[in-house]
Structure formats: C-alpha cells, structure tokens
Amino acid sequence: MRTLAELDVPPLAVIRAALTITAARGHFHPFDQQNHPTRTATAIETETLLTGGHLPDAAALARAASELPPATVTAVHAWALAEPRDPRMTTPYRLRLARAAAAERVGSRDVPTLAAAIDGWQRSHHMGSVGERLTTVAEVTLCLPQEPRTYRGRSQVRYLLRLRSTRGRVLIWPARPRSGAVPATGAAITITGTVAAHDWYGDTAQTYITRCTWENTPTHP
C-alpha cells in the first residue's frame, strides 16, 4: 500500500476516484466540513481510495466505479481546465484547479483541489426544461423569509428557498405557502415542482421551480 506522502498520479485518476466516492455515497461532502459527525470529506476518501486504504462499503464503491462513464471523467477535467463562465469567478481556487488539472502528475496536496471540481461541475448544470414537472430528493440549504405581500386584502406569506439535489444541482423555490409551512434549512425532502426558469449566479446554474409539493425524506441526500 502506498503512503499518503507517496501519492503521485495523473489528475484524471483523482477526478475518477472523487466521482466514484461521490456516486457511492450519494453526495459530495466538502473538505472544509470534514468534522461532520456522520460524513467523511470526499477529498479524504478520495485519497484513501487512491492509496489503497480501507473504506466502508466496498461493494458500493466497486459498483460506482464500474458504472462511472468515462465521458463524465473527461467532462469534469475539461471543466477544471476551462476559464470560468463568469470572469468574476476567476478565484485563487480556480487558478489552482486549472494548474493541477493541467499537470502530468499530482500529489496529495492537489487532491482537495481536484476533488472539489466535482462539486463545481455538478453545480454548473440546470435541471429539466422549462415547463417540465420534476421530482427530486434535495437538501434545503437556505430558507429565507421575505416581506409578505397583500393580495386582494389578504397578507401573503413568502419565502425564498435554495435547495441542492442529490446530484449537486441548485434549485430555487420562491414559496407562497397557504398554510405557512415550508421545510427548514438543513431538511432533507422529496420535492416536486414545475421548472419555471433557468439562470446563473456566477458559475452556478440555478433552476427555478414553482407549484411545489414536498415531504420529508428519511435518508439525507
């Protein structure tokens, strides 16, 4: 088994391993949240996979690796090499990422940088087409109360919810609940809504959904 200090692999190998971990776990987990009580950072598990260390649920990892399309690995690598869609997103991270992705070989210090490309690439895709009715499992990352509006003499409660699907897509739900009930920040839900519009926030693709119904989901995405 290689030690962590001996890691010396092509950048595509890191991306492939990170995609495998993400598919097997059903989510990408950021390196800066590695102290989560039940999750391990994707970058940490990626390096463990690359160095032959022990990881839980070997069967799920093997299945994810066998089902991973090579085109997805190539697409993430191309995204890492490309200039950001929004020039304002040319951050120090994106510059480090482009350098790592362009290198012939990378080491341990580059794993968090390359693994995080999975998250950015996932967020660069919209969901569905305008007018489509879609259902997905998602985590509520923001539930922001807004100023109520008066409509025909009645006060209308309003919220703006930001959700992240299990595939990393970002959904925006301008909620107008009649009962006032909306899921709280951090809740895992199954939500059905109609795609109203697609737009961008920096390099993040945002899909707006309306006419939504939802229920709590026992399994966290």
Protein backbone atom coordinates (compact mmCIF):
# COMPACT_ATOMS: atom_id res chain seq x y z
CA MET A 1 0.00 0.00 0.00
CA ARG A 2 1.30 3.47 -0.79
CA THR A 3 1.57 6.02 1.98
CA LEU A 4 -0.12 9.39 1.60
CA ALA A 5 3.23 11.09 1.02
CA GLU A 6 3.92 8.83 -1.96
CA LEU A 7 0.80 9.72 -3.93
CA ASP A 8 1.84 10.50 -7.50
CA VAL A 9 -0.96 10.06 -10.05
CA PRO A 10 -2.44 11.76 -13.13
CA PRO A 11 -5.13 14.37 -12.35
CA LEU A 12 -7.70 12.25 -14.19
CA ALA A 13 -7.13 9.49 -11.63
CA VAL A 14 -8.05 11.88 -8.80
CA ILE A 15 -11.17 13.05 -10.62
CA ARG A 16 -12.19 9.46 -11.35
CA ALA A 17 -11.74 8.47 -7.71
CA ALA A 18 -13.66 11.52 -6.45
CA LEU A 19 -16.54 10.79 -8.83
CA THR A 20 -16.58 7.19 -7.61
CA ILE A 21 -16.77 8.30 -3.97
CA THR A 22 -19.49 10.84 -4.75
CA ALA A 23 -21.60 8.27 -6.62
CA ALA A 24 -21.18 5.60 -3.94
CA ARG A 25 -22.04 7.97 -1.09
CA GLY A 26 -24.84 9.75 -2.94
CA HIS A 27 -23.40 13.20 -2.24
CA PHE A 28 -20.29 15.37 -2.39
CA HIS A 29 -19.00 16.39 1.04
CA PRO A 30 -16.71 19.46 1.20
CA PHE A 31 -13.25 19.24 2.70
CA ASP A 32 -13.90 22.25 4.95
CA GLN A 33 -16.74 20.28 6.60
CA GLN A 34 -14.63 17.23 7.37
CA ASN A 35 -15.68 17.29 11.03
CA HIS A 36 -19.26 16.33 10.16
CA PRO A 37 -20.49 13.72 12.70
CA THR A 38 -21.60 11.15 10.11
CA ARG A 39 -19.85 12.06 6.85
CA THR A 40 -16.23 11.98 5.70
CA ALA A 41 -14.97 14.65 3.33
CA THR A 42 -14.93 13.45 -0.26
CA ALA A 43 -11.30 14.55 -0.64
CA ILE A 44 -10.22 12.40 2.31
CA GLU A 45 -11.99 9.33 0.98
CA THR A 46 -10.62 10.04 -2.49
CA GLU A 47 -7.05 9.97 -1.22
CA THR A 48 -7.74 6.82 0.79
CA LEU A 49 -9.12 5.14 -2.33
CA LEU A 50 -6.11 6.18 -4.39
CA THR A 51 -3.63 4.91 -1.78
CA GLY A 52 -5.37 1.56 -1.28
CA GLY A 53 -6.62 2.30 2.23
CA HIS A 54 -9.72 0.81 3.83
CA LEU A 55 -13.08 2.41 3.07
CA PRO A 56 -16.55 1.30 4.20
CA ASP A 57 -18.98 -0.34 1.78
CA ALA A 58 -16.52 -1.74 -0.74
CA ALA A 59 -19.37 -3.21 -2.78
CA ALA A 60 -20.94 0.20 -3.35
CA LEU A 61 -17.57 1.63 -4.36
CA ALA A 62 -16.91 -1.20 -6.80
CA ARG A 63 -20.37 -0.76 -8.34
CA ALA A 64 -19.93 3.01 -8.63
CA ALA A 65 -16.53 2.56 -10.27
CA SER A 66 -17.86 0.05 -12.80
CA GLU A 67 -20.83 2.26 -13.71
CA LEU A 68 -18.88 5.53 -13.99
CA PRO A 69 -18.99 6.75 -17.63
CA PRO A 70 -15.52 7.73 -18.89
CA ALA A 71 -17.15 10.74 -20.55
CA THR A 72 -18.08 12.11 -17.12
CA VAL A 73 -14.44 12.00 -16.00
CA THR A 74 -13.45 13.81 -19.18
CA ALA A 75 -16.20 16.41 -18.73
CA VAL A 76 -15.13 17.25 -15.18
CA HIS A 77 -11.50 17.51 -16.30
CA ALA A 78 -12.49 19.85 -19.15
CA TRP A 79 -14.50 21.99 -16.71
CA ALA A 80 -11.47 22.19 -14.41
CA LEU A 81 -9.23 23.36 -17.26
CA ALA A 82 -11.68 25.89 -18.68
CA GLU A 83 -11.90 29.54 -17.73
CA PRO A 84 -14.92 30.29 -15.52
CA ARG A 85 -18.09 31.23 -17.35
CA ASP A 86 -18.25 34.39 -15.22
CA PRO A 87 -14.85 36.20 -15.20
CA ARG A 88 -15.55 37.31 -11.62
CA MET A 89 -15.24 33.65 -10.61
CA THR A 90 -11.56 33.52 -11.58
CA THR A 91 -10.66 32.96 -7.95
CA PRO A 92 -7.38 31.67 -6.46
CA TYR A 93 -9.08 28.27 -6.20
CA ARG A 94 -9.95 28.18 -9.90
CA LEU A 95 -6.38 29.13 -10.78
CA ARG A 96 -5.02 26.34 -8.55
CA LEU A 97 -7.51 23.93 -10.07
CA ALA A 98 -6.52 24.77 -13.64
CA ARG A 99 -2.85 24.28 -12.79
CA ALA A 100 -3.50 20.93 -11.10
CA ALA A 101 -5.75 19.73 -13.93
CA ALA A 102 -3.08 20.64 -16.49
CA ALA A 103 -0.26 18.84 -14.66
CA GLU A 104 1.01 15.44 -15.78
CA ARG A 105 1.15 14.11 -12.21
CA VAL A 106 -0.23 15.40 -8.91
CA GLY A 107 0.38 14.65 -5.25
CA SER A 108 -1.61 14.62 -2.02
CA ARG A 109 -1.79 18.38 -1.69
CA ASP A 110 -3.68 18.58 -5.00
CA VAL A 111 -6.38 16.05 -4.05
CA PRO A 112 -8.70 18.51 -2.22
CA THR A 113 -8.41 20.97 -5.13
CA LEU A 114 -9.23 18.38 -7.80
CA ALA A 115 -11.90 16.61 -5.75
CA ALA A 116 -13.73 19.92 -5.26
CA ALA A 117 -14.04 20.17 -9.05
CA ILE A 118 -16.80 17.54 -8.78
CA ASP A 119 -18.88 19.96 -6.74
CA GLY A 120 -18.30 22.89 -9.11
CA TRP A 121 -19.02 20.78 -12.19
CA GLN A 122 -22.26 19.45 -10.66
CA ARG A 123 -23.41 23.00 -9.89
CA SER A 124 -22.78 24.08 -13.49
CA HIS A 125 -25.83 22.15 -14.76
CA HIS A 126 -29.51 23.09 -14.78
CA MET A 127 -32.30 20.62 -14.07
CA GLY A 128 -35.06 19.75 -16.52
CA SER A 129 -36.55 22.03 -19.15
CA VAL A 130 -38.91 24.97 -18.68
CA GLY A 131 -42.44 23.71 -18.14
CA GLU A 132 -41.31 20.24 -17.07
CA ARG A 133 -42.67 18.73 -13.87
CA LEU A 134 -39.81 17.10 -11.96
CA THR A 135 -39.30 15.27 -8.66
CA THR A 136 -36.02 15.05 -6.78
CA VAL A 137 -34.57 14.46 -3.33
CA ALA A 138 -32.84 17.61 -2.08
CA GLU A 139 -31.39 19.32 0.95
CA VAL A 140 -32.66 22.76 1.93
CA THR A 141 -29.55 24.94 2.14
CA LEU A 142 -31.42 28.20 2.74
CA CYS A 143 -34.93 29.13 3.85
CA LEU A 144 -35.23 32.91 3.86
CA PRO A 145 -38.46 34.65 4.98
CA GLN A 146 -39.39 37.60 2.77
CA GLU A 147 -41.64 40.57 3.26
CA PRO A 148 -45.28 39.46 2.92
CA ARG A 149 -47.42 40.92 0.16
CA THR A 150 -51.04 41.92 0.29
CA TYR A 151 -53.22 40.32 -2.38
CA ARG A 152 -56.93 41.11 -2.53
CA GLY A 153 -56.86 42.34 1.02
CA ARG A 154 -55.04 39.28 2.36
CA SER A 155 -51.44 39.09 3.52
CA GLN A 156 -49.45 36.51 1.57
CA VAL A 157 -46.54 34.78 3.34
CA ARG A 158 -43.42 34.44 1.18
CA TYR A 159 -40.14 32.53 1.44
CA LEU A 160 -37.15 32.03 -0.81
CA LEU A 161 -35.71 28.52 -0.58
CA ARG A 162 -32.43 27.31 -2.02
CA LEU A 163 -32.08 23.56 -2.41
CA ARG A 164 -29.37 21.19 -3.52
CA SER A 165 -30.34 17.95 -5.20
CA THR A 166 -28.57 14.64 -4.62
CA ARG A 167 -26.71 15.25 -7.90
CA GLY A 168 -25.50 18.66 -6.75
CA ARG A 169 -27.92 20.75 -8.84
CA VAL A 170 -29.15 24.01 -7.34
CA LEU A 171 -32.90 24.69 -7.17
CA ILE A 172 -34.59 27.97 -6.21
CA TRP A 173 -38.16 27.87 -4.92
CA PRO A 174 -39.99 31.19 -4.36
CA ALA A 175 -42.57 29.68 -1.98
CA ARG A 176 -46.01 31.16 -1.31
CA PRO A 177 -47.42 28.55 1.10
CA ARG A 178 -51.08 28.95 2.03
CA SER A 179 -50.52 27.17 5.33
CA GLY A 180 -47.22 28.90 6.05
CA ALA A 181 -45.43 25.53 6.24
CA VAL A 182 -42.11 25.24 4.43
CA PRO A 183 -39.13 22.95 5.14
CA ALA A 184 -36.42 24.35 7.39
CA THR A 185 -32.79 24.91 6.47
CA GLY A 186 -30.96 21.58 6.64
CA ALA A 187 -34.07 19.47 6.00
CA ALA A 188 -33.89 16.55 3.57
CA ILE A 189 -37.01 16.50 1.42
CA THR A 190 -38.53 14.99 -1.69
CA ILE A 191 -39.86 17.87 -3.75
CA THR A 192 -41.97 18.00 -6.91
CA GLY A 193 -42.21 21.24 -8.86
CA THR A 194 -42.54 22.79 -12.29
CA VAL A 195 -39.44 24.29 -13.89
CA ALA A 196 -40.18 27.99 -14.33
CA ALA A 197 -36.81 29.35 -15.47
CA HIS A 198 -33.07 28.78 -15.71
CA ASP A 199 -30.48 31.39 -14.78
CA TRP A 200 -26.95 31.75 -13.43
CA TYR A 201 -25.41 33.05 -10.23
CA GLY A 202 -21.75 33.41 -11.07
CA ASP A 203 -20.78 29.94 -12.32
CA THR A 204 -23.68 28.21 -10.58
CA ALA A 205 -26.65 27.13 -12.67
CA GLN A 206 -29.93 27.85 -10.88
CA THR A 207 -33.22 26.16 -11.73
CA TYR A 208 -36.33 27.98 -10.53
CA ILE A 209 -39.30 25.79 -9.63
CA THR A 210 -42.89 26.69 -8.75
CA ARG A 211 -46.17 24.96 -7.74
CA CYS A 212 -44.21 22.72 -5.41
CA THR A 213 -45.26 19.92 -3.11
CA TRP A 214 -42.84 18.30 -0.69
CA GLU A 215 -42.44 15.77 2.07
CA ASN A 216 -39.65 14.95 4.50
CA THR A 217 -37.20 12.30 3.33
CA PRO A 218 -35.72 9.98 5.97
CA THR A 219 -32.46 9.48 4.07
CA HIS A 220 -30.25 12.57 3.95
CA PRO A 221 -29.06 13.33 0.38
